[in-house]
Amino acid sequence: RLMLLLLEQEPTGETDELLYWFSRLSRDKRFARERLERREYFTREHRVSLRSFALLAAKDEQAEHSESTVHAS
């Protein structure tokens, strides 16, 4: 989701800016990195194997949010 949000902010595909923010936010304690399944891609000349990461709300953040939701209702 975060990458989609960043792409919306940078519709021209300024990848350096996107990578900078993704890298910076991945070290933020509010987020937890989840390793995704390795995928393989083929070009005319190469076979590329990539592992991606997803940035998710940290467990503490999720617990805080659910607690505040319970108190609000």
Protein backbone atom coordinates (compact mmCIF):
# COMPACT_ATOMS: atom_id res chain seq x y z
CA ARG A 1 0.00 0.00 0.00
CA LEU A 2 2.78 2.38 0.86
CA MET A 3 4.43 1.95 -2.52
CA LEU A 4 1.09 2.64 -4.23
CA LEU A 5 0.73 5.81 -2.18
CA LEU A 6 4.24 6.87 -3.13
CA LEU A 7 3.58 6.13 -6.80
CA GLU A 8 0.47 8.32 -6.64
CA GLN A 9 2.62 11.14 -5.28
CA GLU A 10 5.22 10.65 -8.02
CA PRO A 11 3.20 9.85 -11.17
CA THR A 12 6.21 10.55 -13.38
CA GLY A 13 7.98 7.61 -11.76
CA GLU A 14 10.80 9.44 -10.01
CA THR A 15 12.22 6.16 -8.77
CA ASP A 16 15.14 7.67 -6.84
CA GLU A 17 12.67 9.58 -4.69
CA LEU A 18 10.48 6.49 -4.25
CA LEU A 19 13.40 4.31 -3.23
CA TYR A 20 14.63 6.96 -0.81
CA TRP A 21 11.28 7.15 1.00
CA PHE A 22 10.67 3.41 0.95
CA SER A 23 14.11 2.83 2.45
CA ARG A 24 13.64 5.54 5.06
CA LEU A 25 10.18 4.39 6.11
CA SER A 26 11.26 0.76 6.27
CA ARG A 27 13.58 1.73 9.15
CA ASP A 28 10.80 3.60 10.96
CA LYS A 29 9.58 1.77 14.07
CA ARG A 30 5.95 2.37 13.06
CA PHE A 31 6.41 -0.14 10.23
CA ALA A 32 7.44 -3.77 10.08
CA ARG A 33 9.05 -5.25 6.98
CA GLU A 34 7.55 -8.49 5.79
CA ARG A 35 9.57 -10.57 3.38
CA LEU A 36 7.51 -11.66 0.39
CA GLU A 37 7.91 -14.74 -1.76
CA ARG A 38 10.86 -14.76 -4.17
CA ARG A 39 9.80 -14.28 -7.79
CA GLU A 40 11.65 -14.88 -11.01
CA TYR A 41 11.46 -12.68 -14.07
CA PHE A 42 12.81 -13.37 -17.53
CA THR A 43 14.04 -10.89 -20.08
CA ARG A 44 15.44 -11.69 -23.51
CA GLU A 45 18.92 -12.00 -22.08
CA HIS A 46 18.59 -12.56 -18.35
CA ARG A 47 16.84 -14.47 -15.64
CA VAL A 48 16.30 -12.24 -12.61
CA SER A 49 15.34 -13.54 -9.19
CA LEU A 50 13.99 -10.90 -6.80
CA ARG A 51 12.74 -10.93 -3.25
CA SER A 52 10.44 -8.08 -2.27
CA PHE A 53 9.36 -6.64 1.02
CA ALA A 54 6.07 -5.18 2.19
CA LEU A 55 5.84 -2.44 4.79
CA LEU A 56 3.07 -3.11 7.28
CA ALA A 57 1.95 -1.31 10.40
CA ALA A 58 4.03 -2.52 13.33
CA LYS A 59 2.31 -4.84 15.80
CA ASP A 60 2.38 -2.12 18.48
CA GLU A 61 0.71 0.36 16.11
CA GLN A 62 -1.98 -2.18 15.21
CA ALA A 63 -2.68 -2.90 18.90
CA GLU A 64 -2.89 0.83 19.72
CA HIS A 65 -5.26 1.42 16.82
CA SER A 66 -7.54 -1.48 17.76
CA GLU A 67 -7.58 -0.38 21.42
CA SER A 68 -8.51 3.19 20.51
CA THR A 69 -11.24 1.86 18.23
CA VAL A 70 -12.70 -0.20 21.07
CA HIS A 71 -12.64 2.79 23.44
CA ALA A 72 -14.25 5.02 20.83
CA SER A 73 -17.29 2.78 20.37
